[in-house]
PDB file of all heavy atoms in Angstrom:
ATOM      1  N   LEU A   1     -16.336   1.488  -0.115  1.00  0.00           N
ATOM      2  CA  LEU A   1     -16.083   2.707  -0.781  1.00  0.00           C
ATOM      3  C   LEU A   1     -15.532   3.713   0.257  1.00  0.00           C
ATOM      4  O   LEU A   1     -16.317   4.322   0.985  1.00  0.00           O
ATOM      5  CB  LEU A   1     -17.206   3.218  -1.476  1.00  0.00           C
ATOM      6  CG  LEU A   1     -17.994   2.306  -2.554  1.00  0.00           C
ATOM      7  CD1 LEU A   1     -19.286   2.902  -3.006  1.00  0.00           C
ATOM      8  CD2 LEU A   1     -17.041   2.032  -3.625  1.00  0.00           C
ATOM      9  N   ILE A   2     -14.207   3.874   0.201  1.00  0.00           N
ATOM     10  CA  ILE A   2     -13.561   4.788   1.166  1.00  0.00           C
ATOM     11  C   ILE A   2     -13.402   6.176   0.540  1.00  0.00           C
ATOM     12  O   ILE A   2     -12.787   6.284  -0.549  1.00  0.00           O
ATOM     13  CB  ILE A   2     -12.270   4.279   1.610  1.00  0.00           C
ATOM     14  CG1 ILE A   2     -12.397   2.851   2.368  1.00  0.00           C
ATOM     15  CG2 ILE A   2     -11.539   5.239   2.602  1.00  0.00           C
ATOM     16  CD1 ILE A   2     -11.189   2.117   2.687  1.00  0.00           C
ATOM     17  N   THR A   3     -13.889   7.150   1.123  1.00  0.00           N
ATOM     18  CA  THR A   3     -14.008   8.523   0.596  1.00  0.00           C
ATOM     19  C   THR A   3     -13.890   9.627   1.447  1.00  0.00           C
ATOM     20  O   THR A   3     -14.294   9.534   2.724  1.00  0.00           O
ATOM     21  CB  THR A   3     -15.394   8.467  -0.221  1.00  0.00           C
ATOM     22  OG1 THR A   3     -15.514   9.770  -0.923  1.00  0.00           O
ATOM     23  CG2 THR A   3     -16.562   8.320   0.693  1.00  0.00           C
ATOM     24  N   SER A   4     -13.593  10.801   0.915  1.00  0.00           N
ATOM     25  CA  SER A   4     -13.708  11.994   1.829  1.00  0.00           C
ATOM     26  C   SER A   4     -14.945  12.859   1.608  1.00  0.00           C
ATOM     27  O   SER A   4     -15.237  13.829   2.178  1.00  0.00           O
ATOM     28  CB  SER A   4     -12.514  13.001   1.534  1.00  0.00           C
ATOM     29  OG  SER A   4     -12.554  13.362   0.160  1.00  0.00           O
ATOM     30  N   SER A   5     -15.791  12.313   0.696  1.00  0.00           N
ATOM     31  CA  SER A   5     -17.192  12.866   0.354  1.00  0.00           C
ATOM     32  C   SER A   5     -18.285  11.870   0.420  1.00  0.00           C
ATOM     33  O   SER A   5     -18.591  11.260  -0.636  1.00  0.00           O
ATOM     34  CB  SER A   5     -17.011  13.579  -1.051  1.00  0.00           C
ATOM     35  OG  SER A   5     -18.206  14.158  -1.436  1.00  0.00           O
ATOM     36  N   ALA A   6     -18.796  11.611   1.545  1.00  0.00           N
ATOM     37  CA  ALA A   6     -19.779  10.552   1.713  1.00  0.00           C
ATOM     38  C   ALA A   6     -21.053  10.688   0.910  1.00  0.00           C
ATOM     39  O   ALA A   6     -21.508   9.781   0.412  1.00  0.00           O
ATOM     40  CB  ALA A   6     -20.136  10.529   3.243  1.00  0.00           C
ATOM     41  N   ASP A   7     -21.515  11.998   0.920  1.00  0.00           N
ATOM     42  CA  ASP A   7     -22.770  12.213   0.139  1.00  0.00           C
ATOM     43  C   ASP A   7     -22.573  11.812  -1.228  1.00  0.00           C
ATOM     44  O   ASP A   7     -23.529  11.055  -1.811  1.00  0.00           O
ATOM     45  CB  ASP A   7     -23.247  13.755   0.317  1.00  0.00           C
ATOM     46  CG  ASP A   7     -23.688  14.135   1.643  1.00  0.00           C
ATOM     47  OD1 ASP A   7     -23.836  13.243   2.424  1.00  0.00           O
ATOM     48  OD2 ASP A   7     -23.631  15.298   1.935  1.00  0.00           O
ATOM     49  N   THR A   8     -21.571  12.287  -2.005  1.00  0.00           N
ATOM     50  CA  THR A   8     -21.387  11.886  -3.329  1.00  0.00           C
ATOM     51  C   THR A   8     -21.212  10.415  -3.557  1.00  0.00           C
ATOM     52  O   THR A   8     -21.739   9.711  -4.401  1.00  0.00           O
ATOM     53  CB  THR A   8     -20.189  12.620  -3.878  1.00  0.00           C
ATOM     54  OG1 THR A   8     -20.249  14.028  -3.712  1.00  0.00           O
ATOM     55  CG2 THR A   8     -19.963  12.314  -5.437  1.00  0.00           C
ATOM     56  N   THR A   9     -20.514   9.785  -2.634  1.00  0.00           N
ATOM     57  CA  THR A   9     -20.248   8.414  -2.698  1.00  0.00           C
ATOM     58  C   THR A   9     -21.481   7.497  -2.440  1.00  0.00           C
ATOM     59  O   THR A   9     -21.607   6.458  -2.977  1.00  0.00           O
ATOM     60  CB  THR A   9     -19.059   7.942  -1.840  1.00  0.00           C
ATOM     61  OG1 THR A   9     -18.001   8.778  -2.106  1.00  0.00           O
ATOM     62  CG2 THR A   9     -18.665   6.541  -2.152  1.00  0.00           C
ATOM     63  N   GLU A  10     -22.302   8.040  -1.632  1.00  0.00           N
ATOM     64  CA  GLU A  10     -23.570   7.342  -1.272  1.00  0.00           C
ATOM     65  C   GLU A  10     -24.467   7.086  -2.553  1.00  0.00           C
ATOM     66  O   GLU A  10     -25.014   6.174  -2.757  1.00  0.00           O
ATOM     67  CB  GLU A  10     -24.435   8.044  -0.231  1.00  0.00           C
ATOM     68  CG  GLU A  10     -23.926   7.950   1.223  1.00  0.00           C
ATOM     69  CD  GLU A  10     -24.148   6.484   1.872  1.00  0.00           C
ATOM     70  OE1 GLU A  10     -24.767   5.750   1.107  1.00  0.00           O
ATOM     71  OE2 GLU A  10     -23.712   6.375   2.920  1.00  0.00           O
ATOM     72  N   ARG A  11     -24.438   8.210  -3.447  1.00  0.00           N
ATOM     73  CA  ARG A  11     -25.183   8.135  -4.635  1.00  0.00           C
ATOM     74  C   ARG A  11     -24.620   7.012  -5.547  1.00  0.00           C
ATOM     75  O   ARG A  11     -25.366   6.328  -6.208  1.00  0.00           O
ATOM     76  CB  ARG A  11     -25.249   9.427  -5.291  1.00  0.00           C
ATOM     77  CG  ARG A  11     -25.961  10.556  -4.615  1.00  0.00           C
ATOM     78  CD  ARG A  11     -26.220  11.721  -5.578  1.00  0.00           C
ATOM     79  NE  ARG A  11     -25.053  12.487  -5.819  1.00  0.00           N
ATOM     80  CZ  ARG A  11     -24.610  13.483  -5.111  1.00  0.00           C
ATOM     81  NH1 ARG A  11     -25.290  13.741  -4.017  1.00  0.00           N
ATOM     82  NH2 ARG A  11     -23.428  14.102  -5.361  1.00  0.00           N
ATOM     83  N   PHE A  12     -23.360   6.880  -5.601  1.00  0.00           N
ATOM     84  CA  PHE A  12     -22.860   5.829  -6.375  1.00  0.00           C
ATOM     85  C   PHE A  12     -22.998   4.423  -5.727  1.00  0.00           C
ATOM     86  O   PHE A  12     -23.316   3.506  -6.558  1.00  0.00           O
ATOM     87  CB  PHE A  12     -21.216   6.022  -6.463  1.00  0.00           C
ATOM     88  CG  PHE A  12     -20.533   4.943  -7.344  1.00  0.00           C
ATOM     89  CD1 PHE A  12     -20.797   4.767  -8.633  1.00  0.00           C
ATOM     90  CD2 PHE A  12     -19.636   4.072  -6.694  1.00  0.00           C
ATOM     91  CE1 PHE A  12     -20.154   3.858  -9.348  1.00  0.00           C
ATOM     92  CE2 PHE A  12     -18.989   3.119  -7.433  1.00  0.00           C
ATOM     93  CZ  PHE A  12     -19.246   2.942  -8.746  1.00  0.00           C
ATOM     94  N   ALA A  13     -23.016   4.417  -4.504  1.00  0.00           N
ATOM     95  CA  ALA A  13     -23.262   3.003  -3.878  1.00  0.00           C
ATOM     96  C   ALA A  13     -24.720   2.706  -4.185  1.00  0.00           C
ATOM     97  O   ALA A  13     -24.969   1.464  -4.341  1.00  0.00           O
ATOM     98  CB  ALA A  13     -23.165   3.162  -2.354  1.00  0.00           C
ATOM     99  N   ARG A  14     -25.685   3.545  -4.219  1.00  0.00           N
ATOM    100  CA  ARG A  14     -27.085   3.244  -4.514  1.00  0.00           C
ATOM    101  C   ARG A  14     -27.242   2.826  -5.944  1.00  0.00           C
ATOM    102  O   ARG A  14     -27.962   1.934  -6.382  1.00  0.00           O
ATOM    103  CB  ARG A  14     -27.926   4.473  -4.211  1.00  0.00           C
ATOM    104  CG  ARG A  14     -28.134   4.784  -2.784  1.00  0.00           C
ATOM    105  CD  ARG A  14     -29.433   5.639  -2.371  1.00  0.00           C
ATOM    106  NE  ARG A  14     -29.201   7.052  -3.088  1.00  0.00           N
ATOM    107  CZ  ARG A  14     -28.541   8.110  -2.431  1.00  0.00           C
ATOM    108  NH1 ARG A  14     -28.064   7.897  -1.135  1.00  0.00           N
ATOM    109  NH2 ARG A  14     -28.444   9.262  -3.069  1.00  0.00           N
ATOM    110  N   HIS A  15     -26.391   3.641  -6.869  1.00  0.00           N
ATOM    111  CA  HIS A  15     -26.462   3.232  -8.271  1.00  0.00           C
ATOM    112  C   HIS A  15     -25.992   1.732  -8.489  1.00  0.00           C
ATOM    113  O   HIS A  15     -26.623   1.099  -9.218  1.00  0.00           O
ATOM    114  CB  HIS A  15     -25.465   4.197  -8.997  1.00  0.00           C
ATOM    115  CG  HIS A  15     -25.118   3.874 -10.341  1.00  0.00           C
ATOM    116  ND1 HIS A  15     -25.983   3.967 -11.435  1.00  0.00           N
ATOM    117  CD2 HIS A  15     -23.974   3.363 -10.974  1.00  0.00           C
ATOM    118  CE1 HIS A  15     -25.443   3.429 -12.497  1.00  0.00           C
ATOM    119  NE2 HIS A  15     -24.213   3.105 -12.291  1.00  0.00           N
ATOM    120  N   ILE A  16     -24.841   1.331  -7.867  1.00  0.00           N
ATOM    121  CA  ILE A  16     -24.451  -0.045  -8.229  1.00  0.00           C
ATOM    122  C   ILE A  16     -25.411  -1.086  -7.517  1.00  0.00           C
ATOM    123  O   ILE A  16     -25.513  -2.132  -7.873  1.00  0.00           O
ATOM    124  CB  ILE A  16     -22.884  -0.228  -7.823  1.00  0.00           C
ATOM    125  CG1 ILE A  16     -22.653   0.033  -6.305  1.00  0.00           C
ATOM    126  CG2 ILE A  16     -22.070   0.605  -8.740  1.00  0.00           C
ATOM    127  CD1 ILE A  16     -21.281  -0.355  -5.863  1.00  0.00           C
ATOM    128  N   ASP A  17     -26.037  -0.618  -6.405  1.00  0.00           N
ATOM    129  CA  ASP A  17     -26.966  -1.541  -5.711  1.00  0.00           C
ATOM    130  C   ASP A  17     -28.138  -1.842  -6.715  1.00  0.00           C
ATOM    131  O   ASP A  17     -28.543  -2.955  -6.867  1.00  0.00           O
ATOM    132  CB  ASP A  17     -27.452  -0.922  -4.436  1.00  0.00           C
ATOM    133  CG  ASP A  17     -28.310  -1.823  -3.676  1.00  0.00           C
ATOM    134  OD1 ASP A  17     -28.394  -3.071  -3.934  1.00  0.00           O
ATOM    135  OD2 ASP A  17     -29.126  -1.395  -2.751  1.00  0.00           O
ATOM    136  N   VAL A  18     -28.648  -0.830  -7.303  1.00  0.00           N
ATOM    137  CA  VAL A  18     -29.750  -0.871  -8.226  1.00  0.00           C
ATOM    138  C   VAL A  18     -29.441  -1.557  -9.486  1.00  0.00           C
ATOM    139  O   VAL A  18     -30.158  -2.503 -10.042  1.00  0.00           O
ATOM    140  CB  VAL A  18     -30.398   0.420  -8.469  1.00  0.00           C
ATOM    141  CG1 VAL A  18     -31.433   0.486  -9.554  1.00  0.00           C
ATOM    142  CG2 VAL A  18     -31.004   1.074  -7.275  1.00  0.00           C
ATOM    143  N   LYS A  19     -28.321  -1.163 -10.115  1.00  0.00           N
ATOM    144  CA  LYS A  19     -27.883  -1.613 -11.396  1.00  0.00           C
ATOM    145  C   LYS A  19     -27.355  -3.073 -11.362  1.00  0.00           C
ATOM    146  O   LYS A  19     -27.625  -3.891 -12.288  1.00  0.00           O
ATOM    147  CB  LYS A  19     -26.808  -0.682 -12.065  1.00  0.00           C
ATOM    148  CG  LYS A  19     -26.448  -1.021 -13.520  1.00  0.00           C
ATOM    149  CD  LYS A  19     -25.486   0.104 -13.954  1.00  0.00           C
ATOM    150  CE  LYS A  19     -25.234  -0.231 -15.546  1.00  0.00           C
ATOM    151  NZ  LYS A  19     -24.410   0.797 -16.196  1.00  0.00           N
ATOM    152  N   PHE A  20     -26.513  -3.420 -10.395  1.00  0.00           N
ATOM    153  CA  PHE A  20     -25.836  -4.670 -10.330  1.00  0.00           C
ATOM    154  C   PHE A  20     -26.184  -5.608  -9.107  1.00  0.00           C
ATOM    155  O   PHE A  20     -25.684  -6.571  -8.929  1.00  0.00           O
ATOM    156  CB  PHE A  20     -24.348  -4.469 -10.229  1.00  0.00           C
ATOM    157  CG  PHE A  20     -23.834  -3.718 -11.520  1.00  0.00           C
ATOM    158  CD1 PHE A  20     -23.490  -2.444 -11.365  1.00  0.00           C
ATOM    159  CD2 PHE A  20     -23.628  -4.458 -12.643  1.00  0.00           C
ATOM    160  CE1 PHE A  20     -22.918  -1.766 -12.501  1.00  0.00           C
ATOM    161  CE2 PHE A  20     -23.071  -3.797 -13.796  1.00  0.00           C
ATOM    162  CZ  PHE A  20     -22.770  -2.411 -13.644  1.00  0.00           C
ATOM    163  N   LEU A  21     -27.090  -5.047  -8.226  1.00  0.00           N
ATOM    164  CA  LEU A  21     -27.500  -5.803  -7.043  1.00  0.00           C
ATOM    165  C   LEU A  21     -26.317  -6.069  -6.239  1.00  0.00           C
ATOM    166  O   LEU A  21     -26.147  -7.089  -5.689  1.00  0.00           O
ATOM    167  CB  LEU A  21     -28.238  -7.074  -7.258  1.00  0.00           C
ATOM    168  CG  LEU A  21     -29.555  -6.919  -8.190  1.00  0.00           C
ATOM    169  CD1 LEU A  21     -30.217  -8.313  -8.484  1.00  0.00           C
ATOM    170  CD2 LEU A  21     -30.630  -5.993  -7.424  1.00  0.00           C
ATOM    171  N   GLN A  22     -25.386  -5.014  -6.227  1.00  0.00           N
ATOM    172  CA  GLN A  22     -24.175  -5.163  -5.397  1.00  0.00           C
ATOM    173  C   GLN A  22     -24.181  -4.420  -4.060  1.00  0.00           C
ATOM    174  O   GLN A  22     -24.366  -3.210  -4.070  1.00  0.00           O
ATOM    175  CB  GLN A  22     -22.961  -4.723  -6.373  1.00  0.00           C
ATOM    176  CG  GLN A  22     -21.586  -4.595  -5.588  1.00  0.00           C
ATOM    177  CD  GLN A  22     -21.190  -5.965  -5.049  1.00  0.00           C
ATOM    178  OE1 GLN A  22     -20.896  -6.917  -5.890  1.00  0.00           O
ATOM    179  NE2 GLN A  22     -20.982  -6.089  -3.717  1.00  0.00           N
ATOM    180  N   GLN A  23     -23.861  -5.119  -3.013  1.00  0.00           N
ATOM    181  CA  GLN A  23     -23.895  -4.457  -1.725  1.00  0.00           C
ATOM    182  C   GLN A  23     -22.590  -3.531  -1.638  1.00  0.00           C
ATOM    183  O   GLN A  23     -21.610  -3.966  -1.909  1.00  0.00           O
ATOM    184  CB  GLN A  23     -23.953  -5.382  -0.650  1.00  0.00           C
ATOM    185  CG  GLN A  23     -24.026  -4.777   0.768  1.00  0.00           C
ATOM    186  CD  GLN A  23     -24.128  -5.768   1.836  1.00  0.00           C
ATOM    187  OE1 GLN A  23     -23.930  -6.955   1.623  1.00  0.00           O
ATOM    188  NE2 GLN A  23     -24.395  -5.439   3.131  1.00  0.00           N
ATOM    189  N   ALA A  24     -22.806  -2.365  -1.089  1.00  0.00           N
ATOM    190  CA  ALA A  24     -21.612  -1.404  -0.957  1.00  0.00           C
ATOM    191  C   ALA A  24     -21.739  -0.720   0.458  1.00  0.00           C
ATOM    192  O   ALA A  24     -22.934  -0.383   0.893  1.00  0.00           O
ATOM    193  CB  ALA A  24     -21.603  -0.450  -2.120  1.00  0.00           C
TER     194      ALA A  24
END
């Protein structure tokens, strides 16, 4: 996940990790 807003994107990364067991 390449982003200019790491904090916001970290929340999404945690979301897909929990929901889909997907490493990001």
